[in-house]
Amino acid sequence: MARIIDGTHSNIVGEYLKKARITAGLSQKELSEKLETEAVYVCRGSVSRIENGTRTITDIEIDAISKVLKVSLDYLFGR
């Protein structure tokens, strides 16, 4: 499946995910573990790559992250 990227970043939510994770007081590993409670498996390294924009992210992952971090999808998309 082709993925749409801008050539530099593979997602637009990374910086907002990082801010929300830090505000929630979670490490990348802790976020990864909490995502498992939503049946979404994203390792700590993948969380890091999402945050720095080098890994794409699925709609299911974004939804689970918003629930775990208690932020809106609009926030994660920078709206």
PDB file of N, CA and C in Angstrom:
ATOM      1  N   MET A   1       0.834  -1.169   0.000  1.00  0.00           N
ATOM      2  CA  MET A   1       0.000   0.000   0.000  1.00  0.00           C
ATOM      3  C   MET A   1       0.884   1.239   0.000  1.00  0.00           C
ATOM      4  N   ALA A   2       0.614   2.155  -0.884  1.00  0.00           N
ATOM      5  CA  ALA A   2       1.367   3.400  -0.940  1.00  0.00           C
ATOM      6  C   ALA A   2       1.022   4.273   0.253  1.00  0.00           C
ATOM      7  N   ARG A   3       2.011   4.974   0.750  1.00  0.00           N
ATOM      8  CA  ARG A   3       1.805   5.882   1.881  1.00  0.00           C
ATOM      9  C   ARG A   3       2.132   7.295   1.430  1.00  0.00           C
ATOM     10  N   ILE A   4       1.350   8.235   1.915  1.00  0.00           N
ATOM     11  CA  ILE A   4       1.562   9.630   1.556  1.00  0.00           C
ATOM     12  C   ILE A   4       2.486  10.254   2.593  1.00  0.00           C
ATOM     13  N   ILE A   5       3.623  10.741   2.127  1.00  0.00           N
ATOM     14  CA  ILE A   5       4.557  11.436   3.008  1.00  0.00           C
ATOM     15  C   ILE A   5       5.066  12.668   2.270  1.00  0.00           C
ATOM     16  N   ASP A   6       5.585  13.623   3.019  1.00  0.00           N
ATOM     17  CA  ASP A   6       6.039  14.856   2.389  1.00  0.00           C
ATOM     18  C   ASP A   6       7.518  14.834   2.014  1.00  0.00           C
ATOM     19  N   GLY A   7       8.150  13.694   2.162  1.00  0.00           N
ATOM     20  CA  GLY A   7       9.558  13.588   1.831  1.00  0.00           C
ATOM     21  C   GLY A   7      10.475  13.771   3.024  1.00  0.00           C
ATOM     22  N   THR A   8      10.010  14.517   4.019  1.00  0.00           N
ATOM     23  CA  THR A   8      10.810  14.755   5.217  1.00  0.00           C
ATOM     24  C   THR A   8      10.247  13.999   6.404  1.00  0.00           C
ATOM     25  N   HIS A   9       8.943  14.061   6.572  1.00  0.00           N
ATOM     26  CA  HIS A   9       8.284  13.430   7.710  1.00  0.00           C
ATOM     27  C   HIS A   9       7.283  12.388   7.229  1.00  0.00           C
ATOM     28  N   SER A  10       7.151  11.327   8.012  1.00  0.00           N
ATOM     29  CA  SER A  10       6.211  10.263   7.672  1.00  0.00           C
ATOM     30  C   SER A  10       4.892  10.403   8.406  1.00  0.00           C
ATOM     31  N   ASN A  11       4.771  11.408   9.281  1.00  0.00           N
ATOM     32  CA  ASN A  11       3.502  11.679   9.950  1.00  0.00           C
ATOM     33  C   ASN A  11       3.490  13.128  10.403  1.00  0.00           C
ATOM     34  N   ILE A  12       2.299  13.618  10.783  1.00  0.00           N
ATOM     35  CA  ILE A  12       2.176  14.993  11.261  1.00  0.00           C
ATOM     36  C   ILE A  12       1.819  15.053  12.737  1.00  0.00           C
ATOM     37  N   VAL A  13       1.682  13.912  13.384  1.00  0.00           N
ATOM     38  CA  VAL A  13       1.258  13.895  14.787  1.00  0.00           C
ATOM     39  C   VAL A  13       2.406  13.762  15.776  1.00  0.00           C
ATOM     40  N   GLY A  14       3.597  13.476  15.308  1.00  0.00           N
ATOM     41  CA  GLY A  14       4.715  13.151  16.187  1.00  0.00           C
ATOM     42  C   GLY A  14       5.009  14.167  17.261  1.00  0.00           C
ATOM     43  N   GLU A  15       5.125  15.444  16.879  1.00  0.00           N
ATOM     44  CA  GLU A  15       5.476  16.456  17.878  1.00  0.00           C
ATOM     45  C   GLU A  15       4.366  16.625  18.910  1.00  0.00           C
ATOM     46  N   TYR A  16       3.113  16.481  18.494  1.00  0.00           N
ATOM     47  CA  TYR A  16       1.994  16.620  19.432  1.00  0.00           C
ATOM     48  C   TYR A  16       1.883  15.399  20.341  1.00  0.00           C
ATOM     49  N   LEU A  17       2.183  14.233  19.780  1.00  0.00           N
ATOM     50  CA  LEU A  17       2.212  13.018  20.597  1.00  0.00           C
ATOM     51  C   LEU A  17       3.257  13.171  21.698  1.00  0.00           C
ATOM     52  N   LYS A  18       4.438  13.648  21.351  1.00  0.00           N
ATOM     53  CA  LYS A  18       5.512  13.791  22.332  1.00  0.00           C
ATOM     54  C   LYS A  18       5.111  14.762  23.432  1.00  0.00           C
ATOM     55  N   LYS A  19       4.527  15.919  23.059  1.00  0.00           N
ATOM     56  CA  LYS A  19       4.088  16.895  24.053  1.00  0.00           C
ATOM     57  C   LYS A  19       3.048  16.294  24.990  1.00  0.00           C
ATOM     58  N   ALA A  20       2.077  15.579  24.435  1.00  0.00           N
ATOM     59  CA  ALA A  20       1.024  14.980  25.245  1.00  0.00           C
ATOM     60  C   ALA A  20       1.577  13.888  26.155  1.00  0.00           C
ATOM     61  N   ARG A  21       2.506  13.097  25.643  1.00  0.00           N
ATOM     62  CA  ARG A  21       3.119  12.028  26.446  1.00  0.00           C
ATOM     63  C   ARG A  21       3.881  12.615  27.624  1.00  0.00           C
ATOM     64  N   ILE A  22       4.655  13.646  27.374  1.00  0.00           N
ATOM     65  CA  ILE A  22       5.420  14.286  28.443  1.00  0.00           C
ATOM     66  C   ILE A  22       4.483  14.935  29.459  1.00  0.00           C
ATOM     67  N   THR A  23       3.436  15.599  28.982  1.00  0.00           N
ATOM     68  CA  THR A  23       2.454  16.209  29.878  1.00  0.00           C
ATOM     69  C   THR A  23       1.791  15.149  30.751  1.00  0.00           C
ATOM     70  N   ALA A  24       1.563  13.977  30.185  1.00  0.00           N
ATOM     71  CA  ALA A  24       0.948  12.874  30.943  1.00  0.00           C
ATOM     72  C   ALA A  24       1.942  12.223  31.897  1.00  0.00           C
ATOM     73  N   GLY A  25       3.209  12.595  31.809  1.00  0.00           N
ATOM     74  CA  GLY A  25       4.229  12.052  32.701  1.00  0.00           C
ATOM     75  C   GLY A  25       4.622  10.624  32.383  1.00  0.00           C
ATOM     76  N   LEU A  26       4.524  10.259  31.098  1.00  0.00           N
ATOM     77  CA  LEU A  26       4.844   8.894  30.685  1.00  0.00           C
ATOM     78  C   LEU A  26       6.137   8.849  29.884  1.00  0.00           C
ATOM     79  N   SER A  27       6.897   7.794  30.083  1.00  0.00           N
ATOM     80  CA  SER A  27       8.046   7.534  29.223  1.00  0.00           C
ATOM     81  C   SER A  27       7.524   6.877  27.941  1.00  0.00           C
ATOM     82  N   GLN A  28       8.377   6.777  26.958  1.00  0.00           N
ATOM     83  CA  GLN A  28       7.980   6.081  25.726  1.00  0.00           C
ATOM     84  C   GLN A  28       7.622   4.631  26.027  1.00  0.00           C
ATOM     85  N   LYS A  29       8.368   4.001  26.900  1.00  0.00           N
ATOM     86  CA  LYS A  29       8.100   2.603  27.261  1.00  0.00           C
ATOM     87  C   LYS A  29       6.751   2.482  27.969  1.00  0.00           C
ATOM     88  N   GLU A  30       6.457   3.410  28.873  1.00  0.00           N
ATOM     89  CA  GLU A  30       5.181   3.367  29.581  1.00  0.00           C
ATOM     90  C   GLU A  30       4.013   3.577  28.627  1.00  0.00           C
ATOM     91  N   LEU A  31       4.167   4.484  27.661  1.00  0.00           N
ATOM     92  CA  LEU A  31       3.125   4.675  26.659  1.00  0.00           C
ATOM     93  C   LEU A  31       2.925   3.395  25.869  1.00  0.00           C
ATOM     94  N   SER A  32       4.012   2.768  25.455  1.00  0.00           N
ATOM     95  CA  SER A  32       3.939   1.515  24.721  1.00  0.00           C
ATOM     96  C   SER A  32       3.158   0.461  25.502  1.00  0.00           C
ATOM     97  N   GLU A  33       3.443   0.370  26.795  1.00  0.00           N
ATOM     98  CA  GLU A  33       2.751  -0.613  27.643  1.00  0.00           C
ATOM     99  C   GLU A  33       1.268  -0.283  27.789  1.00  0.00           C
ATOM    100  N   LYS A  34       0.931   1.005  27.925  1.00  0.00           N
ATOM    101  CA  LYS A  34      -0.475   1.392  28.052  1.00  0.00           C
ATOM    102  C   LYS A  34      -1.241   1.150  26.755  1.00  0.00           C
ATOM    103  N   LEU A  35      -0.576   1.282  25.623  1.00  0.00           N
ATOM    104  CA  LEU A  35      -1.233   1.014  24.344  1.00  0.00           C
ATOM    105  C   LEU A  35      -1.651  -0.448  24.230  1.00  0.00           C
ATOM    106  N   GLU A  36      -0.900  -1.322  24.874  1.00  0.00           N
ATOM    107  CA  GLU A  36      -1.259  -2.743  24.857  1.00  0.00           C
ATOM    108  C   GLU A  36      -2.626  -2.974  25.490  1.00  0.00           C
ATOM    109  N   THR A  37      -3.034  -2.137  26.445  1.00  0.00           N
ATOM    110  CA  THR A  37      -4.360  -2.289  27.067  1.00  0.00           C
ATOM    111  C   THR A  37      -5.467  -1.961  26.076  1.00  0.00           C
ATOM    112  N   GLU A  38      -5.110  -1.283  24.994  1.00  0.00           N
ATOM    113  CA  GLU A  38      -6.055  -0.979  23.913  1.00  0.00           C
ATOM    114  C   GLU A  38      -5.887  -1.961  22.756  1.00  0.00           C
ATOM    115  N   ALA A  39      -5.118  -3.017  22.984  1.00  0.00           N
ATOM    116  CA  ALA A  39      -4.825  -4.038  21.965  1.00  0.00           C
ATOM    117  C   ALA A  39      -4.087  -3.454  20.761  1.00  0.00           C
ATOM    118  N   VAL A  40      -3.244  -2.460  21.031  1.00  0.00           N
ATOM    119  CA  VAL A  40      -2.409  -1.852  20.003  1.00  0.00           C
ATOM    120  C   VAL A  40      -0.965  -2.061  20.445  1.00  0.00           C
ATOM    121  N   TYR A  41      -0.186  -2.682  19.599  1.00  0.00           N
ATOM    122  CA  TYR A  41       1.174  -3.061  19.954  1.00  0.00           C
ATOM    123  C   TYR A  41       2.177  -2.202  19.188  1.00  0.00           C
ATOM    124  N   VAL A  42       2.729  -1.217  19.895  1.00  0.00           N
ATOM    125  CA  VAL A  42       3.723  -0.309  19.353  1.00  0.00           C
ATOM    126  C   VAL A  42       4.885  -0.324  20.338  1.00  0.00           C
ATOM    127  N   CYS A  43       6.025  -0.815  19.915  1.00  0.00           N
ATOM    128  CA  CYS A  43       7.175  -0.904  20.832  1.00  0.00           C
ATOM    129  C   CYS A  43       7.722   0.480  21.144  1.00  0.00           C
ATOM    130  N   ARG A  44       8.563   0.567  22.158  1.00  0.00           N
ATOM    131  CA  ARG A  44       9.152   1.839  22.572  1.00  0.00           C
ATOM    132  C   ARG A  44       9.906   2.500  21.427  1.00  0.00           C
ATOM    133  N   GLY A  45      10.640   1.714  20.683  1.00  0.00           N
ATOM    134  CA  GLY A  45      11.385   2.255  19.544  1.00  0.00           C
ATOM    135  C   GLY A  45      10.469   2.854  18.491  1.00  0.00           C
ATOM    136  N   SER A  46       9.329   2.229  18.283  1.00  0.00           N
ATOM    137  CA  SER A  46       8.366   2.763  17.318  1.00  0.00           C
ATOM    138  C   SER A  46       7.754   4.066  17.812  1.00  0.00           C
ATOM    139  N   VAL A  47       7.506   4.156  19.125  1.00  0.00           N
ATOM    140  CA  VAL A  47       7.006   5.415  19.694  1.00  0.00           C
ATOM    141  C   VAL A  47       8.021   6.517  19.401  1.00  0.00           C
ATOM    142  N   SER A  48       9.292   6.227  19.598  1.00  0.00           N
ATOM    143  CA  SER A  48      10.350   7.202  19.329  1.00  0.00           C
ATOM    144  C   SER A  48      10.336   7.634  17.863  1.00  0.00           C
ATOM    145  N   ARG A  49      10.228   6.676  16.965  1.00  0.00           N
ATOM    146  CA  ARG A  49      10.225   6.988  15.526  1.00  0.00           C
ATOM    147  C   ARG A  49       8.973   7.762  15.115  1.00  0.00           C
ATOM    148  N   ILE A  50       7.825   7.462  15.748  1.00  0.00           N
ATOM    149  CA  ILE A  50       6.611   8.241  15.464  1.00  0.00           C
ATOM    150  C   ILE A  50       6.834   9.681  15.918  1.00  0.00           C
ATOM    151  N   GLU A  51       7.381   9.841  17.122  1.00  0.00           N
ATOM    152  CA  GLU A  51       7.604  11.178  17.662  1.00  0.00           C
ATOM    153  C   GLU A  51       8.572  11.997  16.816  1.00  0.00           C
ATOM    154  N   ASN A  52       9.585  11.361  16.251  1.00  0.00           N
ATOM    155  CA  ASN A  52      10.535  12.148  15.447  1.00  0.00           C
ATOM    156  C   ASN A  52      10.159  12.171  13.966  1.00  0.00           C
ATOM    157  N   GLY A  53       8.999  11.614  13.633  1.00  0.00           N
ATOM    158  CA  GLY A  53       8.458  11.740  12.283  1.00  0.00           C
ATOM    159  C   GLY A  53       8.999  10.785  11.257  1.00  0.00           C
ATOM    160  N   THR A  54       9.736   9.760  11.683  1.00  0.00           N
ATOM    161  CA  THR A  54      10.325   8.845  10.704  1.00  0.00           C
ATOM    162  C   THR A  54       9.532   7.563  10.516  1.00  0.00           C
ATOM    163  N   ARG A  55       8.421   7.414  11.244  1.00  0.00           N
ATOM    164  CA  ARG A  55       7.569   6.227  11.099  1.00  0.00           C
ATOM    165  C   ARG A  55       6.143   6.676  10.854  1.00  0.00           C
ATOM    166  N   THR A  56       5.488   6.026   9.903  1.00  0.00           N
ATOM    167  CA  THR A  56       4.073   6.304   9.687  1.00  0.00           C
ATOM    168  C   THR A  56       3.274   5.755  10.859  1.00  0.00           C
ATOM    169  N   ILE A  57       2.045   6.211  10.973  1.00  0.00           N
ATOM    170  CA  ILE A  57       1.184   5.795  12.067  1.00  0.00           C
ATOM    171  C   ILE A  57      -0.196   5.497  11.502  1.00  0.00           C
ATOM    172  N   THR A  58      -0.806   4.423  11.986  1.00  0.00           N
ATOM    173  CA  THR A  58      -2.113   4.036  11.466  1.00  0.00           C
ATOM    174  C   THR A  58      -3.225   4.767  12.205  1.00  0.00           C
ATOM    175  N   ASP A  59      -4.392   4.761  11.612  1.00  0.00           N
ATOM    176  CA  ASP A  59      -5.543   5.386  12.260  1.00  0.00           C
ATOM    177  C   ASP A  59      -5.872   4.689  13.581  1.00  0.00           C
ATOM    178  N   ILE A  60      -5.713   3.388  13.636  1.00  0.00           N
ATOM    179  CA  ILE A  60      -5.979   2.637  14.871  1.00  0.00           C
ATOM    180  C   ILE A  60      -4.996   3.046  15.956  1.00  0.00           C
ATOM    181  N   GLU A  61      -3.729   3.232  15.579  1.00  0.00           N
ATOM    182  CA  GLU A  61      -2.723   3.658  16.555  1.00  0.00           C
ATOM    183  C   GLU A  61      -3.017   5.066  17.071  1.00  0.00           C
ATOM    184  N   ILE A  62      -3.376   5.984  16.170  1.00  0.00           N
ATOM    185  CA  ILE A  62      -3.682   7.358  16.582  1.00  0.00           C
ATOM    186  C   ILE A  62      -4.872   7.376  17.533  1.00  0.00           C
ATOM    187  N   ASP A  63      -5.902   6.601  17.221  1.00  0.00           N
ATOM    188  CA  ASP A  63      -7.083   6.544  18.084  1.00  0.00           C
ATOM    189  C   ASP A  63      -6.714   6.040  19.482  1.00  0.00           C
ATOM    190  N   ALA A  64      -5.939   4.967  19.549  1.00  0.00           N
ATOM    191  CA  ALA A  64      -5.534   4.408  20.843  1.00  0.00           C
ATOM    192  C   ALA A  64      -4.665   5.392  21.618  1.00  0.00           C
ATOM    193  N   ILE A  65      -3.769   6.070  20.938  1.00  0.00           N
ATOM    194  CA  ILE A  65      -2.909   7.049  21.597  1.00  0.00           C
ATOM    195  C   ILE A  65      -3.740   8.175  22.186  1.00  0.00           C
ATOM    196  N   SER A  66      -4.734   8.654  21.444  1.00  0.00           N
ATOM    197  CA  SER A  66      -5.577   9.736  21.976  1.00  0.00           C
ATOM    198  C   SER A  66      -6.323   9.285  23.227  1.00  0.00           C
ATOM    199  N   LYS A  67      -6.767   8.037  23.253  1.00  0.00           N
ATOM    200  CA  LYS A  67      -7.471   7.512  24.427  1.00  0.00           C
ATOM    201  C   LYS A  67      -6.524   7.371  25.619  1.00  0.00           C
ATOM    202  N   VAL A  68      -5.354   6.791  25.385  1.00  0.00           N
ATOM    203  CA  VAL A  68      -4.397   6.557  26.465  1.00  0.00           C
ATOM    204  C   VAL A  68      -3.897   7.877  27.048  1.00  0.00           C
ATOM    205  N   LEU A  69      -3.620   8.846  26.187  1.00  0.00           N
ATOM    206  CA  LEU A  69      -3.095  10.127  26.647  1.00  0.00           C
ATOM    207  C   LEU A  69      -4.191  11.122  27.027  1.00  0.00           C
ATOM    208  N   LYS A  70      -5.446  10.726  26.773  1.00  0.00           N
ATOM    209  CA  LYS A  70      -6.600  11.572  27.102  1.00  0.00           C
ATOM    210  C   LYS A  70      -6.517  12.943  26.420  1.00  0.00           C
ATOM    211  N   VAL A  71      -6.225  12.895  25.132  1.00  0.00           N
ATOM    212  CA  VAL A  71      -6.230  14.097  24.298  1.00  0.00           C
ATOM    213  C   VAL A  71      -7.111  13.823  23.085  1.00  0.00           C
ATOM    214  N   SER A  72      -7.596  14.885  22.469  1.00  0.00           N
ATOM    215  CA  SER A  72      -8.455  14.707  21.303  1.00  0.00           C
ATOM    216  C   SER A  72      -7.626  14.382  20.059  1.00  0.00           C
ATOM    217  N   LEU A  73      -8.299  13.815  19.095  1.00  0.00           N
ATOM    218  CA  LEU A  73      -7.650  13.588  17.803  1.00  0.00           C
ATOM    219  C   LEU A  73      -7.274  14.921  17.184  1.00  0.00           C
ATOM    220  N   ASP A  74      -8.123  15.920  17.350  1.00  0.00           N
ATOM    221  CA  ASP A  74      -7.801  17.257  16.828  1.00  0.00           C
ATOM    222  C   ASP A  74      -6.478  17.756  17.395  1.00  0.00           C
ATOM    223  N   TYR A  75      -6.260  17.536  18.693  1.00  0.00           N
ATOM    224  CA  TYR A  75      -4.993  17.959  19.296  1.00  0.00           C
ATOM    225  C   TYR A  75      -3.818  17.266  18.610  1.00  0.00           C
ATOM    226  N   LEU A  76      -3.921  15.953  18.429  1.00  0.00           N
ATOM    227  CA  LEU A  76      -2.812  15.208  17.827  1.00  0.00           C
ATOM    228  C   LEU A  76      -2.539  15.673  16.381  1.00  0.00           C
ATOM    229  N   PHE A  77      -3.566  16.201  15.714  1.00  0.00           N
ATOM    230  CA  PHE A  77      -3.374  16.698  14.358  1.00  0.00           C
ATOM    231  C   PHE A  77      -3.034  18.185  14.339  1.00  0.00           C
ATOM    232  N   GLY A  78      -2.803  18.760  15.526  1.00  0.00           N
ATOM    233  CA  GLY A  78      -2.374  20.147  15.603  1.00  0.00           C
ATOM    234  C   GLY A  78      -3.454  21.158  15.340  1.00  0.00           C
ATOM    235  N   ARG A  79      -4.706  20.773  15.609  1.00  0.00           N
ATOM    236  CA  ARG A  79      -5.824  21.706  15.371  1.00  0.00           C
ATOM    237  C   ARG A  79      -6.286  22.353  16.635  1.00  0.00           C
TER     238      ARG A  79
END
